[in-house]
Protein backbone atom coordinates (compact mmCIF):
# COMPACT_ATOMS: atom_id res chain seq x y z
CA MET A 1 59.99 133.00 28.33
CA ARG A 2 56.87 135.05 28.92
CA PHE A 3 55.36 135.04 32.38
CA ILE A 4 52.31 136.65 34.00
CA LEU A 5 51.91 138.10 37.46
CA ASN A 6 48.77 139.48 39.05
CA CYS A 7 50.20 142.39 41.01
CA ALA A 8 48.47 144.86 43.26
CA VAL A 9 51.43 145.94 45.40
CA ALA A 10 53.16 148.98 43.94
CA LEU A 11 52.94 151.96 46.22
CA SER A 12 54.91 150.22 48.98
CA LEU A 13 57.83 149.81 46.56
CA VAL A 14 58.13 153.51 45.75
CA LEU A 15 60.83 154.99 47.93
CA PRO A 16 61.32 158.74 47.41
CA LEU A 17 64.84 159.62 48.53
CA GLY A 18 64.52 162.77 50.58
CA ALA A 19 67.22 164.63 52.44
CA ALA A 20 66.52 162.73 55.64
CA ALA A 21 67.07 159.39 53.89
CA GLN A 22 70.27 160.66 52.31
CA ASP A 23 71.60 161.62 55.77
CA GLN A 24 70.53 158.37 57.54
CA VAL A 25 73.38 156.75 59.44
CA THR A 26 73.37 153.02 60.10
CA VAL A 27 76.04 151.25 62.10
CA PHE A 28 76.76 147.49 62.12
CA THR A 29 78.60 146.72 65.33
CA ASN A 30 80.74 143.78 66.46
CA VAL A 31 80.24 141.94 63.16
CA THR A 32 82.52 139.65 61.19
CA VAL A 33 83.11 141.39 57.85
CA ILE A 34 83.76 139.44 54.68
CA PRO A 35 85.26 142.23 52.55
CA MET A 36 85.64 140.10 49.36
CA ASP A 37 88.86 141.86 48.31
CA ARG A 38 90.52 138.51 49.00
CA GLU A 39 89.64 135.38 50.94
CA ARG A 40 89.67 136.62 54.54
CA THR A 41 87.38 137.71 57.35
CA LEU A 42 87.57 140.67 59.73
CA PRO A 43 86.13 139.62 63.08
CA ASN A 44 84.65 142.08 65.63
CA HIS A 45 84.47 145.03 63.22
CA THR A 46 82.13 148.02 62.94
CA VAL A 47 80.84 149.36 59.63
CA VAL A 48 79.36 152.83 59.43
CA VAL A 49 77.00 153.76 56.59
CA ARG A 50 75.87 157.30 55.83
CA GLY A 51 73.27 157.71 53.10
CA GLN A 52 74.17 155.38 50.29
CA ARG A 53 77.87 155.00 51.17
CA ILE A 54 80.02 153.07 53.57
CA VAL A 55 82.06 155.74 55.35
CA GLU A 56 84.10 153.70 57.82
CA VAL A 57 85.18 150.09 58.43
CA GLY A 58 87.39 149.20 61.35
CA PRO A 59 87.86 147.24 64.59
CA SER A 60 84.93 147.82 66.95
CA ASN A 61 87.19 149.14 69.70
CA GLN A 62 88.46 151.83 67.35
CA VAL A 63 85.29 153.00 65.59
CA ARG A 64 82.93 155.29 67.48
CA PRO A 65 79.35 155.20 66.17
CA PRO A 66 77.90 158.65 65.42
CA ALA A 67 75.25 159.94 67.77
CA GLY A 68 71.70 159.17 66.66
CA ALA A 69 72.73 156.37 64.32
CA GLN A 70 70.53 153.34 63.67
CA MET A 71 72.39 150.52 65.40
CA VAL A 72 72.45 146.94 64.10
CA ASP A 73 73.93 144.39 66.46
CA GLY A 74 76.24 142.16 64.42
CA ARG A 75 77.44 139.83 67.18
CA GLY A 76 77.54 136.29 65.83
CA LYS A 77 76.80 137.51 62.31
CA TRP A 78 78.63 138.02 59.01
CA LEU A 79 78.42 141.09 56.76
CA MET A 80 79.32 140.86 53.07
CA PRO A 81 78.52 142.62 49.79
CA GLY A 82 75.19 142.06 48.11
CA LEU A 83 75.43 139.71 45.14
CA ALA A 84 74.51 140.04 41.47
CA GLU A 85 72.18 138.10 39.20
CA MET A 86 74.08 138.36 35.92
CA HIS A 87 71.50 136.58 33.80
CA ALA A 88 68.32 138.28 35.02
CA HIS A 89 65.06 138.98 33.27
CA ILE A 90 62.88 142.00 34.03
CA PRO A 91 59.26 141.68 32.89
CA PRO A 92 58.82 142.92 29.31
CA GLY A 93 57.59 146.34 28.36
CA GLN A 94 53.90 145.53 28.13
CA ALA A 95 53.86 144.28 31.74
CA PRO A 96 52.08 146.43 34.33
CA ALA A 97 54.32 148.68 36.37
CA ALA A 98 53.40 146.78 39.53
CA GLN A 99 54.63 143.54 37.95
CA ILE A 100 57.99 145.04 37.03
CA GLU A 101 58.43 146.57 40.47
CA LYS A 102 57.44 143.32 42.15
CA VAL A 103 60.15 141.37 40.36
CA LEU A 104 62.75 144.04 41.12
CA ALA A 105 61.74 143.93 44.78
CA TYR A 106 62.11 140.12 44.84
CA TYR A 107 65.70 140.46 43.68
CA ALA A 108 66.58 143.16 46.22
CA LEU A 109 64.89 141.56 49.21
CA ASN A 110 66.92 138.39 48.58
CA GLY A 111 70.22 140.26 48.72
CA VAL A 112 70.61 140.56 44.94
CA THR A 113 71.69 144.17 44.71
CA THR A 114 72.76 144.23 41.05
CA VAL A 115 71.10 142.68 38.03
CA ARG A 116 72.12 142.44 34.40
CA GLY A 117 68.84 142.30 32.53
CA MET A 118 69.25 139.96 29.58
CA LEU A 119 66.09 140.62 27.62
CA GLY A 120 65.78 144.38 27.53
CA ASP A 121 63.02 146.69 26.50
CA PRO A 122 62.84 150.51 26.11
CA ARG A 123 60.69 150.64 29.22
CA HIS A 124 63.49 149.20 31.31
CA LEU A 125 65.67 152.27 30.77
CA PRO A 126 63.59 154.57 33.03
CA TYR A 127 63.58 151.82 35.66
CA ARG A 128 67.36 151.72 35.50
CA GLU A 129 67.44 155.45 36.32
CA LYS A 130 64.83 155.14 39.08
CA ALA A 131 66.86 152.33 40.66
CA ASN A 132 70.07 154.33 40.43
CA ARG A 133 68.39 157.29 42.19
CA GLY A 134 67.03 155.01 44.92
CA GLU A 135 63.42 155.83 44.04
CA ILE A 136 62.21 152.22 43.98
CA LEU A 137 63.11 149.05 45.87
CA SER A 138 65.35 147.57 43.24
CA PRO A 139 68.87 146.30 42.53
CA THR A 140 71.15 148.44 40.45
CA ILE A 141 70.16 147.66 36.85
CA TYR A 142 72.29 147.09 33.79
CA THR A 143 70.26 146.11 30.74
CA THR A 144 70.59 144.79 27.22
CA GLY A 145 68.39 146.01 24.40
CA PRO A 146 65.73 143.83 22.80
CA SER A 147 66.82 140.37 21.68
CA LEU A 148 69.06 140.00 18.63
CA ASN A 149 68.04 136.71 17.06
CA GLY A 150 67.32 135.01 13.76
CA ASN A 151 63.94 136.74 13.52
CA SER A 152 64.89 140.24 14.65
CA ILE A 153 68.05 140.46 12.57
CA PRO A 154 67.54 138.16 9.58
CA THR A 155 69.79 140.24 7.30
CA VAL A 156 73.07 142.20 7.47
CA GLU A 157 71.11 145.41 6.98
CA ALA A 158 68.75 144.60 9.87
CA ALA A 159 71.73 143.78 12.13
CA ILE A 160 73.49 147.07 11.38
CA LYS A 161 70.25 148.99 12.01
CA ALA A 162 69.55 147.16 15.30
CA VAL A 163 73.04 147.71 16.68
CA THR A 164 72.98 151.37 15.74
CA GLU A 165 69.59 151.91 17.37
CA GLN A 166 70.47 150.09 20.56
CA LYS A 167 73.69 152.07 20.95
CA ALA A 168 71.81 155.31 20.40
CA ALA A 169 69.13 154.34 22.93
CA GLY A 170 71.72 153.95 25.69
CA TYR A 171 71.52 150.25 26.46
CA ASP A 172 74.46 148.87 28.45
CA LEU A 173 74.98 145.93 26.08
CA MET A 174 73.17 143.72 23.55
CA LYS A 175 71.65 140.28 23.97
CA ILE A 176 72.41 137.48 21.52
CA HIS A 177 69.85 134.69 21.03
CA PRO A 178 69.92 131.66 18.72
CA GLY A 179 69.16 131.68 15.02
CA ILE A 180 71.55 134.33 13.79
CA THR A 181 73.46 133.28 10.65
CA ARG A 182 77.22 133.54 10.49
CA THR A 183 77.25 136.40 7.98
CA VAL A 184 74.76 138.44 9.96
CA TYR A 185 76.62 137.77 13.20
CA ASP A 186 79.87 138.92 11.62
CA SER A 187 78.24 142.23 10.56
CA MET A 188 76.58 142.68 13.94
CA ALA A 189 79.90 142.17 15.73
CA ALA A 190 81.76 144.53 13.39
CA THR A 191 79.14 147.25 13.87
CA ALA A 192 79.16 146.77 17.65
CA LYS A 193 82.94 147.15 17.72
CA ARG A 194 82.82 150.29 15.55
CA LEU A 195 80.12 151.88 17.71
CA GLY A 196 81.50 150.75 21.07
CA ILE A 197 78.74 148.54 22.47
CA ARG A 198 79.35 145.03 23.78
CA PHE A 199 77.21 141.91 23.16
CA ALA A 200 76.64 138.79 25.22
CA GLY A 201 74.45 135.74 25.66
CA HIS A 202 73.91 132.62 23.56
CA VAL A 203 76.17 131.25 20.85
CA PRO A 204 74.15 130.73 17.64
CA LEU A 205 74.75 127.26 16.19
CA ASP A 206 75.73 128.65 12.76
CA VAL A 207 78.37 130.78 14.45
CA GLY A 208 79.96 128.39 16.94
CA ILE A 209 81.98 129.07 20.03
CA ARG A 210 85.29 129.71 18.32
CA ARG A 211 83.93 132.36 15.96
CA ALA A 212 81.95 134.02 18.80
CA LEU A 213 85.15 134.29 20.80
CA GLN A 214 87.09 135.67 17.88
CA HIS A 215 84.51 138.39 17.42
CA GLY A 216 84.67 139.46 21.06
CA GLN A 217 81.42 138.18 22.55
CA TRP A 218 81.61 139.61 26.07
CA THR A 219 79.97 136.77 27.98
CA ILE A 220 79.15 133.22 27.07
CA ASP A 221 75.96 132.51 29.01
CA HIS A 222 74.81 128.98 29.92
CA VAL A 223 78.31 127.75 28.91
CA ASP A 224 76.65 127.70 25.50
CA GLY A 225 78.56 126.35 22.52
CA TYR A 226 81.34 124.53 24.38
CA ILE A 227 80.02 120.98 24.14
CA GLU A 228 79.20 121.64 20.47
CA GLY A 229 82.80 122.84 20.14
CA LEU A 230 84.01 119.46 21.42
CA ALA A 231 81.74 117.47 19.08
CA PRO A 232 82.51 116.49 15.47
CA GLU A 233 81.83 119.24 12.94
CA GLY A 234 78.24 119.09 11.69
CA ALA A 235 76.86 117.31 14.78
CA GLN A 236 73.26 118.37 15.43
CA SER A 237 72.76 119.89 18.87
CA GLN A 238 69.63 119.62 20.96
CA PHE A 239 68.95 121.64 24.16
CA PHE A 240 72.44 122.92 24.85
CA ALA A 241 74.06 119.79 23.38
CA PHE A 242 72.47 117.38 25.84
CA ASN A 243 72.46 114.79 23.03
CA LEU A 244 76.19 115.27 22.23
CA VAL A 245 77.76 114.07 25.48
CA ASP A 246 79.00 110.83 23.93
CA GLN A 247 80.48 112.71 20.98
CA ALA A 248 82.43 115.26 23.00
CA ASP A 249 86.19 115.05 22.53
CA GLU A 250 87.50 116.39 25.84
CA THR A 251 91.08 116.62 24.50
CA LYS A 252 89.83 119.81 22.77
CA ILE A 253 89.00 121.49 26.07
CA PRO A 254 92.49 123.12 26.59
CA GLU A 255 92.29 124.73 23.17
CA LEU A 256 88.84 126.22 23.95
CA VAL A 257 90.05 127.40 27.32
CA ALA A 258 93.00 129.16 25.75
CA ALA A 259 90.77 130.76 23.14
CA THR A 260 88.33 131.97 25.77
CA LYS A 261 91.10 133.41 27.93
CA ALA A 262 92.70 135.17 24.93
CA ALA A 263 89.36 136.65 23.88
CA GLY A 264 88.73 138.19 27.32
CA ALA A 265 85.35 136.51 27.51
CA TRP A 266 83.49 135.83 30.74
CA ILE A 267 81.31 132.83 31.68
CA VAL A 268 77.83 133.06 33.19
CA PRO A 269 77.01 129.37 33.94
CA THR A 270 73.27 129.35 34.90
CA GLN A 271 74.04 125.85 36.16
CA SER A 272 70.91 125.69 38.31
CA LEU A 273 68.78 125.81 35.14
CA PHE A 274 70.33 122.54 33.98
CA GLU A 275 70.25 120.99 37.44
CA SER A 276 66.48 121.62 37.46
CA MET A 277 65.71 120.45 33.95
CA MET A 278 68.08 117.49 33.93
CA GLY A 279 68.57 116.72 37.62
CA GLY A 280 67.02 114.11 39.82
CA LYS A 281 64.00 116.03 41.14
CA SER A 282 60.58 115.42 39.62
CA ALA A 283 58.53 118.33 38.36
CA ASP A 284 56.24 117.91 41.41
CA GLU A 285 59.23 118.14 43.74
CA LEU A 286 60.47 121.24 41.97
CA ALA A 287 56.98 122.79 42.22
CA ALA A 288 57.02 122.13 45.97
CA MET A 289 60.13 124.24 46.62
CA PRO A 290 59.28 127.00 49.17
CA GLU A 291 59.94 129.92 46.84
CA MET A 292 57.30 128.72 44.38
CA LYS A 293 54.66 130.30 46.57
CA PHE A 294 55.91 133.66 45.33
CA TRP A 295 55.34 132.82 41.66
CA PRO A 296 52.08 132.45 39.72
CA GLU A 297 50.57 128.96 39.79
CA ALA A 298 49.81 129.15 36.09
CA THR A 299 53.48 129.69 35.26
CA ILE A 300 54.56 126.89 37.58
CA ASN A 301 52.16 124.54 35.78
CA GLN A 302 53.73 125.67 32.47
CA TRP A 303 57.16 124.84 33.89
CA LYS A 304 55.98 121.41 34.97
CA GLN A 305 54.70 120.67 31.45
CA ALA A 306 57.84 122.08 29.80
CA THR A 307 60.03 119.96 32.05
CA ALA A 308 58.12 116.79 31.30
CA ASN A 309 58.10 117.50 27.54
CA THR A 310 61.82 118.34 27.40
CA ARG A 311 62.83 115.28 29.37
CA GLN A 312 60.70 113.02 27.17
CA GLN A 313 61.91 114.57 23.91
CA LEU A 314 65.56 114.25 24.87
CA GLY A 315 65.26 110.81 26.42
CA VAL A 316 66.53 112.03 29.78
CA THR A 317 67.61 109.29 32.22
CA PRO A 318 69.40 109.61 35.54
CA GLU A 319 72.59 108.18 34.03
CA ARG A 320 72.46 110.48 31.02
CA SER A 321 71.80 113.53 33.17
CA LYS A 322 74.73 112.66 35.45
CA GLN A 323 77.03 112.39 32.42
CA TYR A 324 75.82 115.73 31.05
CA LEU A 325 76.07 117.68 34.32
CA GLU A 326 79.50 116.24 35.08
CA LEU A 327 80.76 117.19 31.60
CA ARG A 328 79.54 120.74 32.11
CA GLY A 329 81.32 120.76 35.45
CA ARG A 330 84.60 119.58 33.91
CA ILE A 331 84.35 122.25 31.23
CA MET A 332 83.67 124.97 33.80
CA GLN A 333 86.49 123.82 36.03
CA ALA A 334 88.92 123.81 33.10
CA LEU A 335 87.85 127.33 32.17
CA TYR A 336 88.18 128.58 35.73
CA GLN A 337 91.56 126.94 36.29
CA GLY A 338 92.66 128.41 32.95
CA GLY A 339 92.06 131.95 34.22
CA VAL A 340 88.67 132.61 32.58
CA PRO A 341 86.57 134.84 34.92
CA PHE A 342 83.11 133.74 36.03
CA LEU A 343 79.97 135.74 36.84
CA LEU A 344 77.07 134.53 38.97
CA GLY A 345 73.79 134.05 37.14
CA SER A 346 70.85 131.67 37.32
CA ASP A 347 68.56 132.85 34.48
CA ALA A 348 65.63 134.12 36.49
CA PRO A 349 62.75 133.93 35.90
CA GLN A 350 63.24 130.94 33.68
CA TRP A 351 62.23 127.35 34.41
CA TRP A 352 62.11 126.86 38.23
CA ASN A 353 64.10 130.06 38.94
CA VAL A 354 62.12 132.60 40.95
CA PRO A 355 63.82 136.03 40.85
CA GLY A 356 66.10 136.61 43.83
CA PHE A 357 65.43 133.24 45.41
CA SER A 358 67.14 131.29 42.62
CA ILE A 359 70.59 132.78 43.28
CA LEU A 360 70.98 130.45 46.30
CA ARG A 361 70.18 127.40 44.18
CA GLU A 362 72.66 128.64 41.57
CA MET A 363 75.36 128.75 44.21
CA GLU A 364 74.49 125.26 45.40
CA ALA A 365 74.68 124.03 41.82
CA MET A 366 78.09 125.65 41.44
CA VAL A 367 79.31 123.83 44.52
CA LYS A 368 78.31 120.57 42.89
CA ALA A 369 80.34 121.66 39.85
CA GLY A 370 83.43 121.92 42.00
CA PHE A 371 83.59 125.58 43.02
CA THR A 372 84.31 126.78 46.56
CA PRO A 373 82.00 129.18 48.38
CA PHE A 374 84.52 132.00 48.12
CA GLN A 375 84.99 131.46 44.39
CA ILE A 376 81.20 131.57 43.95
CA TYR A 377 80.83 134.79 46.02
CA GLN A 378 83.65 136.32 43.98
CA SER A 379 81.67 135.67 40.84
CA GLY A 380 78.72 137.56 42.32
CA SER A 381 80.57 140.50 43.86
CA ILE A 382 84.12 141.71 43.03
CA ASN A 383 84.09 140.01 39.62
CA VAL A 384 80.88 141.87 38.75
CA ALA A 385 82.49 145.16 39.72
CA ARG A 386 85.46 144.35 37.52
CA TYR A 387 83.26 143.31 34.65
CA PHE A 388 81.43 146.65 34.67
CA GLY A 389 84.54 148.66 35.57
CA VAL A 390 83.14 149.92 38.88
CA GLU A 391 85.55 148.44 41.41
CA ASN A 392 85.54 151.73 43.35
CA GLU A 393 81.77 151.60 43.63
CA VAL A 394 80.70 148.08 44.59
CA GLY A 395 81.85 144.51 45.06
CA THR A 396 83.68 144.87 48.38
CA VAL A 397 83.02 146.11 51.90
CA ALA A 398 85.23 149.17 52.20
CA ALA A 399 84.98 152.88 52.92
CA GLY A 400 83.65 154.74 49.90
CA ARG A 401 81.72 151.80 48.45
CA ARG A 402 78.00 151.90 47.88
CA ALA A 403 76.17 150.37 50.80
CA ASP A 404 74.81 147.23 49.15
CA LEU A 405 75.20 144.72 51.98
CA VAL A 406 73.83 141.47 53.36
CA LEU A 407 73.94 140.47 57.05
CA LEU A 408 73.92 136.69 57.61
CA ASP A 409 73.25 134.58 60.71
CA ALA A 410 75.72 131.86 59.70
CA ASN A 411 79.16 131.83 58.05
CA PRO A 412 78.59 131.81 54.27
CA LEU A 413 82.20 130.76 53.60
CA ALA A 414 81.53 127.51 55.45
CA ASN A 415 78.48 126.64 53.37
CA VAL A 416 76.76 128.55 50.60
CA SER A 417 73.40 127.40 51.94
CA HIS A 418 73.99 129.85 54.80
CA TRP A 419 73.20 132.62 52.26
CA GLY A 420 69.58 131.71 52.95
CA GLN A 421 69.96 132.68 56.63
CA ARG A 422 69.73 136.46 56.20
CA ALA A 423 69.34 138.72 59.17
CA GLY A 424 68.84 141.65 56.83
CA VAL A 425 69.65 143.35 53.57
CA MET A 426 70.88 146.87 52.83
CA VAL A 427 70.14 148.32 49.38
CA ARG A 428 71.80 151.65 48.64
CA GLY A 429 71.97 152.43 52.32
CA ARG A 430 68.38 151.43 53.16
CA TRP A 431 68.25 148.74 55.85
CA TYR A 432 65.61 145.97 55.79
CA ASP A 433 65.84 143.57 58.73
CA ALA A 434 64.56 140.02 58.54
CA ALA A 435 61.13 140.93 59.88
CA GLU A 436 60.70 143.73 57.36
CA ILE A 437 61.82 141.46 54.52
CA GLN A 438 59.28 138.82 55.47
CA ARG A 439 56.53 141.45 55.79
CA ARG A 440 57.26 142.82 52.33
CA LEU A 441 57.55 139.38 50.75
CA GLY A 442 54.24 138.47 52.32
CA GLU A 443 52.59 141.53 50.79
CA LEU A 444 54.10 140.78 47.42
CA SER A 445 52.98 137.16 47.45
CA LYS A 446 49.37 138.28 47.81
CA GLY A 447 49.51 140.49 44.72
């Protein structure tokens, strides 16, 4: 989806990383640490950060803060890793620099310290490097190349060319969209395997979930293709199989779970997208959510119209929506219980998902689908590190890890809604307390 922002705030987001910043020491004292290596908490601990790294984690009576350190009182608070948005969108290449930087700042200021951009552009590659060097207020960026879809790769030759070019350009992975024919998909996948670049995203209808898994699709986003995989062959799908609920044969779920596990695929649910489009809230109620003040009114009006049109076209009723969302929940639970790993992602900015803000609503939607808070935080922290092969870099609170942290005023393991009660965020060792976050968000909302 295209979106437009009128941005004037850019200079405040540029953060040159000088020697002083690299040597900055910040100490969180007397805090309850949620390390995320397993389900546990470490009460009354002190965490020392120097530059971009955590250098010490230990009981507060055993850790001595360095002289001159910036002290953050953690009494009555919880410290955990920053989370990831694994189905993120960064504004496209023709967008003004201020617009791109504004969206990246929204993610970071909401405690989203890693994003997997799922609609890449050549212009995103320099931003990836700027973020990695700490030059802008931004999450760590992984990015796909431009969309691979029925229009961009209509032929085998076009698919081979696109894969070769994206690999050479240095993208982290490739994004699959609908419309790709089976023959073209097969050639795309074979070329990707030969060149060593992964692909992820949608499951084209002509391909189907089983074939996508056989060819090694890295993530299945939106739980796409599973309901179609339970329906009779040849059934016509509309909007992620909303119309196929009554035709789904749930006895086939174990077979699909086994195939997914064997393929080594990951699931990125984006459940909040479906809760918004098919849930019980009216478009006016969705538009009244607090985070909508940070997004352009023109885009929100487009979302309202798209929601009304989609619901009318599909014949959405409360009963039908309940059936659909519950079926998605059962499929997700079966996949999770079958050992298929999950990654946290909301699809922002897509309908009703404002970048950074929407990760909380995604977690709340995952609770409705039967997941525990810890399972959800795993999907946004340690699982992300495992997915990218950077377990020694991020995903846990431990000495040597990058200092991407979130300090919370309430226990997030008791209720995921407590994620919204942030006392501060640390991005690559830079600390933003709640007052600073609100100041920056206020500036951004005026742009």
